[in-house]
Structure formats: C-alpha cells, structure tokens
Amino acid sequence: MNSPDINVEFDGHVAIVEICRPPDNYFDAGLIQGLADIYEELDADRRCRAIVQCSRGKHFCAGFRFNKATGKSGQVQSGQTEVEIIYEHALRLYQSGKPVVAAVHGAAIGGGLGLALVADFRITCAEARFSANFSRLGFHHGFGLSLTLPRLIGHTQANLMLFTGRRINGDTAVSMGLADRSVAKEEVRKAAIELAAEISGSAPLAVQAIRKTQRLELLSELPSAIERELSEQTRLKTTSDFKEGISASAERRPPEFCAE
C-alpha cells in the first residue's frame, strides 16, 4: 500500500494512513487517487476495522496547490481537468466502508478541510486552523463541502465560513461541532488512534453496517452536489476575481476584487 506520498502502518486493527508531503501536504489528483485506492484496499483487509487519516509535517492538508502564475489546474491525457479527477476519487473516499478518524494538527484549508470532513470524527488541537477559504480566492467551494459542512455546524455557521473564508482554531472548531475533541498538539495522533481502537473493539460487521446506514443520505446526494460545485468552479475560474485571488494568495497580500 505504501508509496512515496502515502505511508500505511497498522496498530492492532487500526490502519494509520499518513500523507507524506511535508510541510504543507498539498494534494493533487494523484494523491487523492492514491488515498482512494488505499481505502479500497483497506475495505478488503480484515485486519482493518478503522482508519486514522493523518499527515506528516506542519499541517494536516493546506489544500490544492494552484499554479501560481495562471490559477489553472492543468489538463490530463483523458481530457479531464485535474479537479474533475480529484472529485472522481473524492467520491470513492466517501464511499469507503471502514470508519475514519482524522488527526488534524496544523491547517486543514480549502480542499484540505474537505478531506478532513470525509472522516467520521476529527481530533484536533488549539493550534489547528480550519478554513473554507475558497471565496478569498474568488472561487467556489468543492470536495462535497456543500453537504458536509452544514451537516456538522448548521447552514448559518457554514455560510459564515464559506462567505468569509475565516480561519477557525481547533478549540472553536470543537465548540462549533466541526471537530470532536481538542488535545495537546503532540497528542493529536495518539488520541485519534485511541478513538479508532475503541471503535475497533466493537463488532466490525455491525459497525460497517451502522456506518453505511448513517451515511446513506449523504452518499445519495454527494454526486449531484459535487457536480454543481465543479460547474461553478469551472465558471469562476475564467473571472478576473479568481486570477486576483490566486495572485494575492501567492503574494501574501489582501485581494482586491472587482466582480468581473
């Protein structure tokens, strides 16, 4: 299962899936496909009863790294854009059968927040930062956040995060319901493994059946929601606001949008 970008280890019945692109752990289509492949392999592995999704380095996942010069994600040989491929495999992550606990230290930004919300639970720390920063880039959110974010924190709080792009620290994330527990930064992964091990102590077939039932509505709505997100992202990528948002982010300055 291991690759240069993803490491998998077992702690009893817990599979620890670690993204290895430090310090920021930006993703691309290849990384999301690799994670989806691993989750599918773990679905078929009887040793695995729960997954801990974690990352090596400073941040959990700082999102998708756009081309700083053009703001474009590039084309692949199939004719699909890279973002289309990312969302194709993001759906596979959502459809996996084993429960997932995300160990969120540092930042979970943009698509990185989307990846964190694929999980059933999130263990974090005060130093963590959660942000749906798409509007600050002149962009539409993706990765299924249209559904997952309001389901956790309600529509008003979700809209507040989406409209402002503000950063939420780990303690605030717990108080909002965006994360489940905040511990000392050095204890985040350990606490996530402990929760996954507790889940693993229950009957695995029962847990998987319960999880499938609990996610039925989400999984039925995700394809159309992601299709809508992708359509809006594609439209907004042609605007001057998107170019300005990407440039401002790369140059670490406030954006100056003009609604064109």
Protein backbone atom coordinates (compact mmCIF):
# COMPACT_ATOMS: atom_id res chain seq x y z
CA MET A 1 0.00 0.00 0.00
CA ASN A 2 2.88 2.39 0.67
CA SER A 3 4.10 4.99 -1.81
CA PRO A 4 6.45 7.99 -1.58
CA ASP A 5 3.45 10.19 -0.75
CA ILE A 6 1.38 7.88 1.48
CA ASN A 7 2.53 5.60 4.29
CA VAL A 8 0.31 2.91 5.84
CA GLU A 9 1.01 1.18 9.15
CA PHE A 10 -1.11 -0.95 11.47
CA ASP A 11 -1.60 -0.54 15.20
CA GLY A 12 -3.68 -3.58 16.04
CA HIS A 13 -6.84 -3.30 13.94
CA VAL A 14 -6.25 0.40 13.22
CA ALA A 15 -4.75 1.36 9.85
CA ILE A 16 -2.77 4.60 10.13
CA VAL A 17 -2.79 6.31 6.72
CA GLU A 18 -0.24 9.13 6.64
CA ILE A 19 0.11 11.73 3.88
CA CYS A 20 3.83 12.37 3.38
CA ARG A 21 4.17 15.70 1.58
CA PRO A 22 5.53 17.89 4.36
CA PRO A 23 5.40 20.58 5.45
CA ASP A 24 2.03 21.61 3.97
CA ASN A 25 0.76 18.35 2.44
CA TYR A 26 -0.83 19.98 -0.59
CA PHE A 27 -2.77 17.48 -2.69
CA ASP A 28 -3.22 16.83 -6.38
CA ALA A 29 -5.19 14.24 -8.37
CA GLY A 30 -2.51 11.60 -7.87
CA LEU A 31 -2.59 11.91 -4.09
CA ILE A 32 -6.40 11.72 -3.83
CA GLN A 33 -6.45 8.73 -6.19
CA GLY A 34 -3.76 7.08 -4.08
CA LEU A 35 -5.77 7.61 -0.90
CA ALA A 36 -8.92 6.23 -2.55
CA ASP A 37 -7.00 3.15 -3.74
CA ILE A 38 -5.69 2.56 -0.22
CA TYR A 39 -9.11 2.98 1.37
CA GLU A 40 -10.50 0.40 -1.06
CA GLU A 41 -7.66 -1.99 -0.21
CA LEU A 42 -8.38 -1.50 3.47
CA ASP A 43 -12.06 -2.23 2.86
CA ALA A 44 -11.00 -5.68 1.71
CA ASP A 45 -8.44 -6.19 4.51
CA ARG A 46 -9.94 -8.00 7.51
CA ARG A 47 -7.16 -6.71 9.76
CA CYS A 48 -8.51 -3.19 9.36
CA ARG A 49 -11.51 -2.19 11.46
CA ALA A 50 -10.89 1.58 11.50
CA ILE A 51 -8.65 4.13 9.78
CA VAL A 52 -6.73 7.08 11.18
CA GLN A 53 -6.09 9.70 8.49
CA CYS A 54 -3.11 11.84 9.42
CA SER A 55 -0.23 13.77 7.87
CA ARG A 56 3.49 14.25 8.31
CA GLY A 57 4.83 17.77 8.75
CA LYS A 58 3.44 21.11 9.85
CA HIS A 59 -0.13 20.85 8.53
CA PHE A 60 -2.87 18.25 8.03
CA CYS A 61 -3.52 19.49 4.49
CA ALA A 62 -3.24 23.04 3.13
CA GLY A 63 -5.46 22.16 0.16
CA PHE A 64 -4.84 22.03 -3.59
CA ARG A 65 -1.84 23.94 -4.89
CA PHE A 66 -2.96 26.00 -7.87
CA ASN A 67 -0.47 27.07 -10.49
CA LYS A 68 0.54 30.42 -9.04
CA ALA A 69 1.08 32.04 -12.41
CA THR A 70 -2.21 31.11 -14.07
CA GLY A 71 -4.51 29.74 -11.40
CA LYS A 72 -5.12 26.70 -13.60
CA SER A 73 -5.04 23.09 -12.50
CA GLY A 74 -3.93 21.64 -15.81
CA GLN A 75 -5.25 19.00 -18.20
CA VAL A 76 -4.54 15.28 -18.23
CA GLN A 77 -4.42 12.93 -21.20
CA SER A 78 -8.03 11.79 -20.77
CA GLY A 79 -9.23 15.34 -21.43
CA GLN A 80 -10.47 15.71 -17.87
CA THR A 81 -9.20 18.56 -15.76
CA GLU A 82 -7.21 17.65 -12.70
CA VAL A 83 -10.02 18.94 -10.48
CA GLU A 84 -12.51 16.62 -12.21
CA ILE A 85 -10.23 13.68 -11.45
CA ILE A 86 -9.81 14.81 -7.84
CA TYR A 87 -13.57 14.84 -7.30
CA GLU A 88 -14.00 11.48 -9.02
CA HIS A 89 -11.66 9.93 -6.46
CA ALA A 90 -13.00 12.06 -3.59
CA LEU A 91 -16.32 10.29 -4.14
CA ARG A 92 -14.50 6.99 -3.75
CA LEU A 93 -13.14 8.16 -0.40
CA TYR A 94 -16.65 8.98 0.80
CA GLN A 95 -17.88 5.58 -0.41
CA SER A 96 -15.29 3.57 1.54
CA GLY A 97 -16.68 1.21 4.17
CA LYS A 98 -14.40 1.50 7.21
CA PRO A 99 -14.84 4.25 9.84
CA VAL A 100 -12.28 7.06 9.66
CA VAL A 101 -10.83 9.32 12.36
CA ALA A 102 -8.89 12.35 11.11
CA ALA A 103 -5.96 13.61 13.19
CA VAL A 104 -5.99 17.32 12.32
CA HIS A 105 -2.93 19.23 13.51
CA GLY A 106 -1.91 22.48 11.86
CA ALA A 107 -4.07 23.64 8.95
CA ALA A 108 -6.98 22.00 7.14
CA ILE A 109 -7.58 24.58 4.44
CA GLY A 110 -9.85 24.56 1.35
CA GLY A 111 -9.81 21.09 -0.11
CA GLY A 112 -7.85 20.04 2.98
CA LEU A 113 -10.93 20.89 5.03
CA GLY A 114 -12.95 18.82 2.56
CA LEU A 115 -10.60 15.87 3.13
CA ALA A 116 -10.93 16.23 6.91
CA LEU A 117 -14.73 16.14 6.59
CA VAL A 118 -14.63 12.85 4.68
CA ALA A 119 -13.82 11.33 8.08
CA ASP A 120 -16.43 10.36 10.66
CA PHE A 121 -14.57 12.10 13.51
CA ARG A 122 -11.87 14.74 13.88
CA ILE A 123 -9.34 15.01 16.71
CA THR A 124 -7.54 18.35 16.75
CA CYS A 125 -5.61 20.87 18.87
CA ALA A 126 -5.83 24.56 19.72
CA GLU A 127 -3.11 25.37 17.17
CA ALA A 128 -5.05 23.83 14.26
CA ARG A 129 -6.73 26.04 11.69
CA PHE A 130 -9.86 25.12 9.72
CA SER A 131 -10.83 27.29 6.75
CA ALA A 132 -13.07 27.12 3.70
CA ASN A 133 -11.02 29.87 2.03
CA PHE A 134 -12.45 29.49 -1.49
CA SER A 135 -14.23 32.86 -1.57
CA ARG A 136 -10.94 34.56 -0.68
CA LEU A 137 -9.57 33.02 -3.89
CA GLY A 138 -12.53 34.17 -5.99
CA PHE A 139 -13.61 30.55 -6.23
CA HIS A 140 -16.47 28.18 -5.34
CA HIS A 141 -16.00 25.54 -2.68
CA GLY A 142 -15.72 21.85 -3.59
CA PHE A 143 -14.91 18.38 -2.21
CA GLY A 144 -18.53 17.94 -1.12
CA LEU A 145 -18.40 20.79 1.41
CA SER A 146 -21.86 21.91 0.22
CA LEU A 147 -23.20 18.94 2.18
CA THR A 148 -20.64 18.01 4.81
CA LEU A 149 -20.05 21.45 6.33
CA PRO A 150 -23.70 22.41 7.07
CA ARG A 151 -24.41 18.89 8.32
CA LEU A 152 -21.81 19.41 11.02
CA ILE A 153 -22.24 23.04 12.02
CA GLY A 154 -25.56 24.15 10.53
CA HIS A 155 -26.29 26.30 7.48
CA THR A 156 -25.70 29.68 9.10
CA GLN A 157 -22.28 28.82 10.50
CA ALA A 158 -21.36 27.00 7.27
CA ASN A 159 -22.31 30.05 5.22
CA LEU A 160 -20.30 32.25 7.56
CA MET A 161 -17.20 30.14 6.95
CA LEU A 162 -17.84 29.95 3.19
CA PHE A 163 -18.67 33.65 2.67
CA THR A 164 -15.77 35.00 4.77
CA GLY A 165 -13.07 32.34 4.35
CA ARG A 166 -12.19 32.98 8.00
CA ARG A 167 -9.87 30.61 9.89
CA ILE A 168 -11.24 28.73 12.89
CA ASN A 169 -8.87 27.42 15.55
CA GLY A 170 -9.15 23.91 16.94
CA ASP A 171 -10.91 24.84 20.18
CA THR A 172 -13.50 26.90 18.33
CA ALA A 173 -13.94 24.06 15.84
CA VAL A 174 -14.85 21.73 18.72
CA SER A 175 -17.33 24.23 20.18
CA MET A 176 -18.97 24.56 16.74
CA GLY A 177 -19.15 20.80 16.13
CA LEU A 178 -16.61 20.96 13.30
CA ALA A 179 -14.24 18.78 15.33
CA ASP A 180 -14.93 16.33 18.13
CA ARG A 181 -12.07 16.76 20.61
CA SER A 182 -9.14 19.10 21.15
CA VAL A 183 -5.98 17.80 22.84
CA ALA A 184 -2.37 18.96 23.15
CA LYS A 185 -0.76 19.24 19.73
CA GLU A 186 1.70 16.42 20.39
CA GLU A 187 -1.18 14.15 21.47
CA VAL A 188 -3.43 14.56 18.38
CA ARG A 189 -2.38 11.43 16.54
CA LYS A 190 -2.30 9.32 19.71
CA ALA A 191 -5.82 10.43 20.65
CA ALA A 192 -7.07 9.67 17.13
CA ILE A 193 -5.57 6.17 17.31
CA GLU A 194 -7.15 5.62 20.72
CA LEU A 195 -10.60 6.56 19.38
CA ALA A 196 -10.13 4.33 16.33
CA ALA A 197 -9.04 1.48 18.62
CA GLU A 198 -12.16 1.96 20.74
CA ILE A 199 -14.29 1.71 17.58
CA SER A 200 -12.32 -1.38 16.59
CA GLY A 201 -13.41 -3.06 19.80
CA SER A 202 -16.99 -3.22 18.53
CA ALA A 203 -18.20 -5.91 16.12
CA PRO A 204 -16.69 -4.86 12.77
CA LEU A 205 -19.56 -6.04 10.57
CA ALA A 206 -22.06 -4.24 12.80
CA VAL A 207 -20.02 -1.02 12.77
CA GLN A 208 -19.74 -1.09 8.98
CA ALA A 209 -23.48 -1.75 8.60
CA ILE A 210 -24.35 1.07 11.01
CA ARG A 211 -21.97 3.44 9.25
CA LYS A 212 -23.48 2.60 5.86
CA THR A 213 -26.97 3.34 7.19
CA GLN A 214 -25.85 6.61 8.77
CA ARG A 215 -24.22 7.79 5.51
CA LEU A 216 -26.93 6.69 3.05
CA GLU A 217 -28.46 10.15 2.63
CA LEU A 218 -25.08 11.84 2.31
CA LEU A 219 -23.85 9.36 -0.30
CA SER A 220 -27.06 9.66 -2.33
CA GLU A 221 -26.72 13.46 -2.51
CA LEU A 222 -22.96 13.78 -3.00
CA PRO A 223 -22.67 13.13 -6.77
CA SER A 224 -25.07 15.93 -7.72
CA ALA A 225 -23.60 18.29 -5.11
CA ILE A 226 -20.06 17.74 -6.35
CA GLU A 227 -21.23 18.13 -9.96
CA ARG A 228 -22.74 21.51 -9.01
CA GLU A 229 -19.57 22.55 -7.17
CA LEU A 230 -17.40 21.61 -10.14
CA SER A 231 -19.64 23.51 -12.57
CA GLU A 232 -19.39 26.68 -10.51
CA GLN A 233 -15.65 26.28 -10.05
CA THR A 234 -15.21 25.90 -13.80
CA ARG A 235 -17.25 29.05 -14.45
CA LEU A 236 -15.50 31.16 -11.83
CA LYS A 237 -12.01 30.13 -12.96
CA THR A 238 -12.49 32.35 -16.02
CA THR A 239 -13.06 35.51 -13.96
CA SER A 240 -10.62 38.25 -13.10
CA ASP A 241 -11.55 37.82 -9.43
CA PHE A 242 -10.18 34.28 -9.48
CA LYS A 243 -6.92 35.43 -11.05
CA GLU A 244 -6.67 38.18 -8.44
CA GLY A 245 -7.45 35.77 -5.59
CA ILE A 246 -4.72 33.34 -6.65
CA SER A 247 -2.20 36.14 -7.19
CA ALA A 248 -2.99 37.74 -3.83
CA SER A 249 -2.65 34.40 -2.06
CA ALA A 250 0.71 33.71 -3.69
CA GLU A 251 1.92 37.22 -2.86
CA ARG A 252 0.50 37.09 0.69
CA ARG A 253 -1.49 40.32 0.37
CA PRO A 254 -5.19 41.22 0.68
CA PRO A 255 -7.07 40.63 -2.60
CA GLU A 256 -8.69 43.50 -4.48
CA PHE A 257 -11.76 42.04 -6.17
CA CYS A 258 -13.80 43.80 -8.88
CA ALA A 259 -16.72 41.36 -9.56
CA GLU A 260 -15.67 40.73 -13.16
